[in-house]
Amino acid sequence: MRTVYGSNWMNTKRTTTGGPAHMRGDRRDTEIRNYVMNLGPQHPAAHGVLRLVGVMAGVPVVRAAPHVGLLHRGTEKLAESKPFNQSIGYMDRLDYVSMMCNEHAYVRAIETLLGIEAPIRAQYIRTMFDEITRILNHLMNIGTGALDLGAMAVMLYALREREELMDCYEAVSGARMHAAYYRPGGVYRDLPDHMPNSMLRVKARCWTSWKTSPTNSRVVSTNTRPC
């Protein structure tokens, strides 16, 4: 895994054992160089749509060039012909793991243009769901990162906590991902009565579970050790 032969090694003359001719005997004539590997893009509902063109020296990454913007779908143009409220759903789809944060930026821009301010309770509700969304984002980041390293249990723990937090999404909007909950001047509806207890339960369990879970994983510690 530490070295790779030239890109034309498959076309070289074969020996009787099936290997390339330049792999026989003395290996000093073998061309050894880094190779290029595409990391992503994945489906938007999985890891996101970041593409990294990595230069690899076997397992270690020598250099990486990021390519962004692969989820661009003309949202600005679509919003030109829609009423303000009908464009909120587009904002959820700009980032599949930061839905309400994108909604917040959009409705705040509208409120600034119209010169209005949301009631203080609505501002607190928005802030709370921004934080829920941020935790959802971090859980997906930690879980998929650990999964790529081979620690499947960490990903399962992340999905468990995400399901609890998505219950909060569903309680206020009826949807578990694309909520379309924020509105210019406030939110779609007030919090249900059971929401505070649900949030405290999730908070207590997340703190207990995630304080040491990823760092105690032998798979994670082994695969993130400096080369």
C-alpha atoms as a PDB file:
ATOM      1  CA  MET A   1       0.000   0.000   0.000  1.00  0.00           C
ATOM      2  CA  ARG A   2       2.939   2.339   0.398  1.00  0.00           C
ATOM      3  CA  THR A   3       3.963   2.384  -3.268  1.00  0.00           C
ATOM      4  CA  VAL A   4       2.359   2.006  -6.651  1.00  0.00           C
ATOM      5  CA  TYR A   5       3.752   1.198 -10.061  1.00  0.00           C
ATOM      6  CA  GLY A   6       3.461   3.346 -13.146  1.00  0.00           C
ATOM      7  CA  SER A   7       0.041   3.833 -14.727  1.00  0.00           C
ATOM      8  CA  ASN A   8       1.022   1.634 -17.697  1.00  0.00           C
ATOM      9  CA  TRP A   9       2.008  -1.431 -15.687  1.00  0.00           C
ATOM     10  CA  MET A  10      -1.094  -3.324 -16.827  1.00  0.00           C
ATOM     11  CA  ASN A  11       0.136  -3.055 -20.421  1.00  0.00           C
ATOM     12  CA  THR A  12       3.628  -4.337 -19.757  1.00  0.00           C
ATOM     13  CA  LYS A  13       4.840  -7.733 -20.880  1.00  0.00           C
ATOM     14  CA  ARG A  14       3.599 -10.494 -18.606  1.00  0.00           C
ATOM     15  CA  THR A  15       5.740 -13.217 -17.116  1.00  0.00           C
ATOM     16  CA  THR A  16       4.703 -16.837 -16.906  1.00  0.00           C
ATOM     17  CA  THR A  17       3.404 -16.251 -13.387  1.00  0.00           C
ATOM     18  CA  GLY A  18       1.065 -13.505 -14.582  1.00  0.00           C
ATOM     19  CA  GLY A  19       2.912 -10.555 -13.042  1.00  0.00           C
ATOM     20  CA  PRO A  20       4.381  -7.599 -14.947  1.00  0.00           C
ATOM     21  CA  ALA A  21       7.846  -8.167 -16.341  1.00  0.00           C
ATOM     22  CA  HIS A  22       9.410  -5.269 -14.400  1.00  0.00           C
ATOM     23  CA  MET A  23       8.354  -6.883 -11.104  1.00  0.00           C
ATOM     24  CA  ARG A  24      10.694  -9.840 -11.609  1.00  0.00           C
ATOM     25  CA  GLY A  25      14.039 -10.145  -9.881  1.00  0.00           C
ATOM     26  CA  ASP A  26      15.805  -6.908  -8.947  1.00  0.00           C
ATOM     27  CA  ARG A  27      13.192  -4.275  -7.980  1.00  0.00           C
ATOM     28  CA  ARG A  28      15.555  -1.297  -8.272  1.00  0.00           C
ATOM     29  CA  ASP A  29      14.296  -0.501 -11.787  1.00  0.00           C
ATOM     30  CA  THR A  30      10.678  -0.264 -10.631  1.00  0.00           C
ATOM     31  CA  GLU A  31       9.054   3.156 -10.955  1.00  0.00           C
ATOM     32  CA  ILE A  32       7.587   4.188  -7.620  1.00  0.00           C
ATOM     33  CA  ARG A  33       5.363   7.249  -7.386  1.00  0.00           C
ATOM     34  CA  ASN A  34       2.271   8.661  -5.701  1.00  0.00           C
ATOM     35  CA  TYR A  35      -1.144   8.162  -7.212  1.00  0.00           C
ATOM     36  CA  VAL A  36      -4.289  10.301  -7.492  1.00  0.00           C
ATOM     37  CA  MET A  37      -7.612   9.206  -6.007  1.00  0.00           C
ATOM     38  CA  ASN A  38     -11.045  10.844  -6.080  1.00  0.00           C
ATOM     39  CA  LEU A  39     -12.646  11.035  -2.632  1.00  0.00           C
ATOM     40  CA  GLY A  40     -16.305  11.805  -3.325  1.00  0.00           C
ATOM     41  CA  PRO A  41     -18.600  13.301  -4.270  1.00  0.00           C
ATOM     42  CA  GLN A  42     -21.207  11.217  -2.457  1.00  0.00           C
ATOM     43  CA  HIS A  43     -24.973  11.506  -2.573  1.00  0.00           C
ATOM     44  CA  PRO A  44     -26.263  14.618  -0.765  1.00  0.00           C
ATOM     45  CA  ALA A  45     -28.148  12.464   1.764  1.00  0.00           C
ATOM     46  CA  ALA A  46     -24.952  10.640   2.740  1.00  0.00           C
ATOM     47  CA  HIS A  47     -21.668  12.468   3.343  1.00  0.00           C
ATOM     48  CA  GLY A  48     -22.476  15.550   1.315  1.00  0.00           C
ATOM     49  CA  VAL A  49     -21.186  16.645  -2.068  1.00  0.00           C
ATOM     50  CA  LEU A  50     -17.607  17.694  -1.388  1.00  0.00           C
ATOM     51  CA  ARG A  51     -15.120  16.221  -3.833  1.00  0.00           C
ATOM     52  CA  LEU A  52     -11.479  15.883  -2.818  1.00  0.00           C
ATOM     53  CA  VAL A  53      -8.817  14.985  -5.362  1.00  0.00           C
ATOM     54  CA  GLY A  54      -6.216  13.381  -3.151  1.00  0.00           C
ATOM     55  CA  VAL A  55      -2.589  12.608  -3.909  1.00  0.00           C
ATOM     56  CA  MET A  56      -1.861   9.410  -2.006  1.00  0.00           C
ATOM     57  CA  ALA A  57       1.383   7.821  -0.906  1.00  0.00           C
ATOM     58  CA  GLY A  58      -0.265   4.501  -0.233  1.00  0.00           C
ATOM     59  CA  VAL A  59      -2.500   5.175   2.776  1.00  0.00           C
ATOM     60  CA  PRO A  60      -1.225   8.659   3.810  1.00  0.00           C
ATOM     61  CA  VAL A  61      -2.690  11.642   1.938  1.00  0.00           C
ATOM     62  CA  VAL A  62       0.107  13.847   0.605  1.00  0.00           C
ATOM     63  CA  ARG A  63      -2.078  16.577  -0.875  1.00  0.00           C
ATOM     64  CA  ALA A  64      -5.805  17.217  -1.372  1.00  0.00           C
ATOM     65  CA  ALA A  65      -7.566  19.658  -3.704  1.00  0.00           C
ATOM     66  CA  PRO A  66     -11.209  20.421  -2.737  1.00  0.00           C
ATOM     67  CA  HIS A  67     -13.942  20.921  -5.342  1.00  0.00           C
ATOM     68  CA  VAL A  68     -17.106  22.584  -3.991  1.00  0.00           C
ATOM     69  CA  GLY A  69     -20.414  23.775  -5.437  1.00  0.00           C
ATOM     70  CA  LEU A  70     -21.647  20.409  -6.683  1.00  0.00           C
ATOM     71  CA  LEU A  71     -25.063  20.873  -5.049  1.00  0.00           C
ATOM     72  CA  HIS A  72     -25.804  24.129  -6.858  1.00  0.00           C
ATOM     73  CA  ARG A  73     -29.273  23.807  -8.395  1.00  0.00           C
ATOM     74  CA  GLY A  74     -30.287  27.348  -9.324  1.00  0.00           C
ATOM     75  CA  THR A  75     -32.090  28.165  -6.072  1.00  0.00           C
ATOM     76  CA  GLU A  76     -31.614  31.893  -6.568  1.00  0.00           C
ATOM     77  CA  LYS A  77     -33.301  31.784  -9.981  1.00  0.00           C
ATOM     78  CA  LEU A  78     -36.173  29.650  -8.691  1.00  0.00           C
ATOM     79  CA  ALA A  79     -36.801  32.085  -5.833  1.00  0.00           C
ATOM     80  CA  GLU A  80     -37.152  35.030  -8.213  1.00  0.00           C
ATOM     81  CA  SER A  81     -40.635  33.930  -9.289  1.00  0.00           C
ATOM     82  CA  LYS A  82     -41.933  32.636  -5.940  1.00  0.00           C
ATOM     83  CA  PRO A  83     -43.570  34.341  -2.963  1.00  0.00           C
ATOM     84  CA  PHE A  84     -41.235  34.542   0.017  1.00  0.00           C
ATOM     85  CA  ASN A  85     -42.895  31.699   1.934  1.00  0.00           C
ATOM     86  CA  GLN A  86     -42.790  29.305  -1.029  1.00  0.00           C
ATOM     87  CA  SER A  87     -39.008  29.544  -1.266  1.00  0.00           C
ATOM     88  CA  ILE A  88     -38.334  28.431   2.316  1.00  0.00           C
ATOM     89  CA  GLY A  89     -38.420  24.766   1.296  1.00  0.00           C
ATOM     90  CA  TYR A  90     -35.567  25.350  -1.146  1.00  0.00           C
ATOM     91  CA  MET A  91     -33.355  26.499   1.712  1.00  0.00           C
ATOM     92  CA  ASP A  92     -33.651  23.141   3.484  1.00  0.00           C
ATOM     93  CA  ARG A  93     -32.125  21.464   0.450  1.00  0.00           C
ATOM     94  CA  LEU A  94     -29.035  23.637   0.257  1.00  0.00           C
ATOM     95  CA  ASP A  95     -27.485  21.418   2.937  1.00  0.00           C
ATOM     96  CA  TYR A  96     -29.164  18.175   3.931  1.00  0.00           C
ATOM     97  CA  VAL A  97     -27.731  18.253   7.458  1.00  0.00           C
ATOM     98  CA  SER A  98     -28.097  21.990   8.236  1.00  0.00           C
ATOM     99  CA  MET A  99     -31.678  22.547   7.223  1.00  0.00           C
ATOM    100  CA  MET A 100     -33.030  25.100   9.689  1.00  0.00           C
ATOM    101  CA  CYS A 101     -29.796  27.088   9.770  1.00  0.00           C
ATOM    102  CA  ASN A 102     -30.281  27.788   6.059  1.00  0.00           C
ATOM    103  CA  GLU A 103     -33.919  28.691   6.670  1.00  0.00           C
ATOM    104  CA  HIS A 104     -32.837  31.125   9.377  1.00  0.00           C
ATOM    105  CA  ALA A 105     -30.443  32.957   7.080  1.00  0.00           C
ATOM    106  CA  TYR A 106     -33.155  33.281   4.425  1.00  0.00           C
ATOM    107  CA  VAL A 107     -35.940  34.581   6.676  1.00  0.00           C
ATOM    108  CA  ARG A 108     -33.565  36.992   8.428  1.00  0.00           C
ATOM    109  CA  ALA A 109     -32.632  38.440   5.046  1.00  0.00           C
ATOM    110  CA  ILE A 110     -36.320  38.966   4.248  1.00  0.00           C
ATOM    111  CA  GLU A 111     -36.957  40.549   7.648  1.00  0.00           C
ATOM    112  CA  THR A 112     -34.042  42.917   7.148  1.00  0.00           C
ATOM    113  CA  LEU A 113     -35.340  43.938   3.719  1.00  0.00           C
ATOM    114  CA  LEU A 114     -38.868  44.504   5.057  1.00  0.00           C
ATOM    115  CA  GLY A 115     -37.698  46.200   8.248  1.00  0.00           C
ATOM    116  CA  ILE A 116     -39.532  43.824  10.599  1.00  0.00           C
ATOM    117  CA  GLU A 117     -38.457  41.933  13.714  1.00  0.00           C
ATOM    118  CA  ALA A 118     -39.697  38.575  14.982  1.00  0.00           C
ATOM    119  CA  PRO A 119     -41.161  38.342  18.521  1.00  0.00           C
ATOM    120  CA  ILE A 120     -38.625  37.486  21.200  1.00  0.00           C
ATOM    121  CA  ARG A 121     -40.151  34.030  21.791  1.00  0.00           C
ATOM    122  CA  ALA A 122     -39.817  33.214  18.089  1.00  0.00           C
ATOM    123  CA  GLN A 123     -36.193  34.342  18.197  1.00  0.00           C
ATOM    124  CA  TYR A 124     -35.491  31.971  21.095  1.00  0.00           C
ATOM    125  CA  ILE A 125     -37.240  29.109  19.294  1.00  0.00           C
ATOM    126  CA  ARG A 126     -35.169  29.749  16.188  1.00  0.00           C
ATOM    127  CA  THR A 127     -31.967  29.784  18.216  1.00  0.00           C
ATOM    128  CA  MET A 128     -32.899  26.513  19.907  1.00  0.00           C
ATOM    129  CA  PHE A 129     -33.573  24.782  16.601  1.00  0.00           C
ATOM    130  CA  ASP A 130     -30.400  26.229  15.117  1.00  0.00           C
ATOM    131  CA  GLU A 131     -28.539  24.487  17.932  1.00  0.00           C
ATOM    132  CA  ILE A 132     -30.468  21.245  17.390  1.00  0.00           C
ATOM    133  CA  THR A 133     -29.517  21.449  13.720  1.00  0.00           C
ATOM    134  CA  ARG A 134     -25.885  22.094  14.597  1.00  0.00           C
ATOM    135  CA  ILE A 135     -25.841  18.995  16.815  1.00  0.00           C
ATOM    136  CA  LEU A 136     -27.440  16.957  14.010  1.00  0.00           C
ATOM    137  CA  ASN A 137     -24.668  18.189  11.725  1.00  0.00           C
ATOM    138  CA  HIS A 138     -21.889  17.300  14.164  1.00  0.00           C
ATOM    139  CA  LEU A 139     -23.361  13.854  14.834  1.00  0.00           C
ATOM    140  CA  MET A 140     -23.387  13.099  11.107  1.00  0.00           C
ATOM    141  CA  ASN A 141     -19.837  14.428  10.786  1.00  0.00           C
ATOM    142  CA  ILE A 142     -18.485  12.336  13.665  1.00  0.00           C
ATOM    143  CA  GLY A 143     -20.488   9.250  12.722  1.00  0.00           C
ATOM    144  CA  THR A 144     -19.564   9.141   9.041  1.00  0.00           C
ATOM    145  CA  GLY A 145     -15.955  10.019   9.820  1.00  0.00           C
ATOM    146  CA  ALA A 146     -15.755   7.106  12.234  1.00  0.00           C
ATOM    147  CA  LEU A 147     -17.525   4.846   9.729  1.00  0.00           C
ATOM    148  CA  ASP A 148     -14.914   5.676   7.096  1.00  0.00           C
ATOM    149  CA  LEU A 149     -12.270   4.623   9.621  1.00  0.00           C
ATOM    150  CA  GLY A 150     -14.072   1.331  10.234  1.00  0.00           C
ATOM    151  CA  ALA A 151     -15.774   2.135  13.556  1.00  0.00           C
ATOM    152  CA  MET A 152     -19.359   1.210  12.701  1.00  0.00           C
ATOM    153  CA  ALA A 153     -20.619   1.373  16.305  1.00  0.00           C
ATOM    154  CA  VAL A 154     -19.932   5.123  16.506  1.00  0.00           C
ATOM    155  CA  MET A 155     -22.115   5.692  13.432  1.00  0.00           C
ATOM    156  CA  LEU A 156     -24.946   3.677  14.982  1.00  0.00           C
ATOM    157  CA  TYR A 157     -24.761   5.769  18.162  1.00  0.00           C
ATOM    158  CA  ALA A 158     -24.889   8.932  16.033  1.00  0.00           C
ATOM    159  CA  LEU A 159     -27.967   7.720  14.172  1.00  0.00           C
ATOM    160  CA  ARG A 160     -29.680   6.911  17.476  1.00  0.00           C
ATOM    161  CA  GLU A 161     -29.193  10.446  18.779  1.00  0.00           C
ATOM    162  CA  ARG A 162     -30.183  11.958  15.438  1.00  0.00           C
ATOM    163  CA  GLU A 163     -33.495  10.095  15.536  1.00  0.00           C
ATOM    164  CA  GLU A 164     -34.262  11.609  18.942  1.00  0.00           C
ATOM    165  CA  LEU A 165     -33.446  15.106  17.718  1.00  0.00           C
ATOM    166  CA  MET A 166     -35.442  14.627  14.531  1.00  0.00           C
ATOM    167  CA  ASP A 167     -38.422  13.874  16.770  1.00  0.00           C
ATOM    168  CA  CYS A 168     -38.139  17.531  17.814  1.00  0.00           C
ATOM    169  CA  TYR A 169     -38.241  18.543  14.146  1.00  0.00           C
ATOM    170  CA  GLU A 170     -41.316  16.401  13.591  1.00  0.00           C
ATOM    171  CA  ALA A 171     -43.080  17.740  16.681  1.00  0.00           C
ATOM    172  CA  VAL A 172     -43.092  21.313  15.382  1.00  0.00           C
ATOM    173  CA  SER A 173     -43.210  20.892  11.597  1.00  0.00           C
ATOM    174  CA  GLY A 174     -44.491  17.402  10.782  1.00  0.00           C
ATOM    175  CA  ALA A 175     -41.281  16.604   8.861  1.00  0.00           C
ATOM    176  CA  ARG A 176     -38.099  14.938  10.048  1.00  0.00           C
ATOM    177  CA  MET A 177     -35.673  16.550   7.619  1.00  0.00           C
ATOM    178  CA  HIS A 178     -36.999  19.311   5.335  1.00  0.00           C
ATOM    179  CA  ALA A 179     -38.960  21.177   7.980  1.00  0.00           C
ATOM    180  CA  ALA A 180     -39.837  24.525   6.329  1.00  0.00           C
ATOM    181  CA  TYR A 181     -40.525  25.710   9.882  1.00  0.00           C
ATOM    182  CA  TYR A 182     -39.228  29.280   9.948  1.00  0.00           C
ATOM    183  CA  ARG A 183     -41.289  32.134   8.542  1.00  0.00           C
ATOM    184  CA  PRO A 184     -40.547  35.798   7.918  1.00  0.00           C
ATOM    185  CA  GLY A 185     -41.621  37.393  11.195  1.00  0.00           C
ATOM    186  CA  GLY A 186     -41.596  34.205  13.289  1.00  0.00           C
ATOM    187  CA  VAL A 187     -42.076  30.442  13.009  1.00  0.00           C
ATOM    188  CA  TYR A 188     -44.781  28.150  11.655  1.00  0.00           C
ATOM    189  CA  ARG A 189     -46.176  27.181  15.083  1.00  0.00           C
ATOM    190  CA  ASP A 190     -45.328  27.304  18.777  1.00  0.00           C
ATOM    191  CA  LEU A 191     -43.622  24.466  20.640  1.00  0.00           C
ATOM    192  CA  PRO A 192     -45.744  21.545  21.853  1.00  0.00           C
ATOM    193  CA  ASP A 193     -46.060  21.102  25.615  1.00  0.00           C
ATOM    194  CA  HIS A 194     -43.808  18.022  25.784  1.00  0.00           C
ATOM    195  CA  MET A 195     -40.884  19.630  23.956  1.00  0.00           C
ATOM    196  CA  PRO A 196     -38.842  20.837  27.003  1.00  0.00           C
ATOM    197  CA  ASN A 197     -38.804  17.392  28.678  1.00  0.00           C
ATOM    198  CA  SER A 198     -37.851  15.720  25.415  1.00  0.00           C
ATOM    199  CA  MET A 199     -34.946  18.112  24.927  1.00  0.00           C
ATOM    200  CA  LEU A 200     -33.615  17.584  28.455  1.00  0.00           C
ATOM    201  CA  ARG A 201     -33.713  13.802  28.010  1.00  0.00           C
ATOM    202  CA  VAL A 202     -31.745  13.963  24.775  1.00  0.00           C
ATOM    203  CA  LYS A 203     -29.246  16.397  26.290  1.00  0.00           C
ATOM    204  CA  ALA A 204     -28.546  14.142  29.278  1.00  0.00           C
ATOM    205  CA  ARG A 205     -28.066  11.026  27.172  1.00  0.00           C
ATOM    206  CA  CYS A 206     -25.933  12.737  24.536  1.00  0.00           C
ATOM    207  CA  TRP A 207     -23.580  14.081  27.199  1.00  0.00           C
ATOM    208  CA  THR A 208     -23.200  10.654  28.806  1.00  0.00           C
ATOM    209  CA  SER A 209     -22.779   8.751  25.530  1.00  0.00           C
ATOM    210  CA  TRP A 210     -20.553  11.118  23.572  1.00  0.00           C
ATOM    211  CA  LYS A 211     -18.212  12.394  26.252  1.00  0.00           C
ATOM    212  CA  THR A 212     -15.799   9.516  25.544  1.00  0.00           C
ATOM    213  CA  SER A 213     -17.371   7.174  22.943  1.00  0.00           C
ATOM    214  CA  PRO A 214     -15.428   8.163  19.773  1.00  0.00           C
ATOM    215  CA  THR A 215     -12.097   8.679  21.538  1.00  0.00           C
ATOM    216  CA  ASN A 216     -12.345   5.323  23.325  1.00  0.00           C
ATOM    217  CA  SER A 217     -12.816   3.431  20.063  1.00  0.00           C
ATOM    218  CA  ARG A 218      -9.702   1.385  19.304  1.00  0.00           C
ATOM    219  CA  VAL A 219     -10.495   1.509  15.579  1.00  0.00           C
ATOM    220  CA  VAL A 220     -10.605   5.322  15.604  1.00  0.00           C
ATOM    221  CA  SER A 221      -7.440   5.725  17.682  1.00  0.00           C
ATOM    222  CA  THR A 222      -5.544   3.251  15.482  1.00  0.00           C
ATOM    223  CA  ASN A 223      -6.545   4.828  12.165  1.00  0.00           C
ATOM    224  CA  THR A 224      -5.952   8.418  13.261  1.00  0.00           C
ATOM    225  CA  ARG A 225      -2.484   7.854  14.695  1.00  0.00           C
ATOM    226  CA  PRO A 226       0.106  10.137  13.014  1.00  0.00           C
ATOM    227  CA  CYS A 227       2.199   8.392  10.366  1.00  0.00           C
END
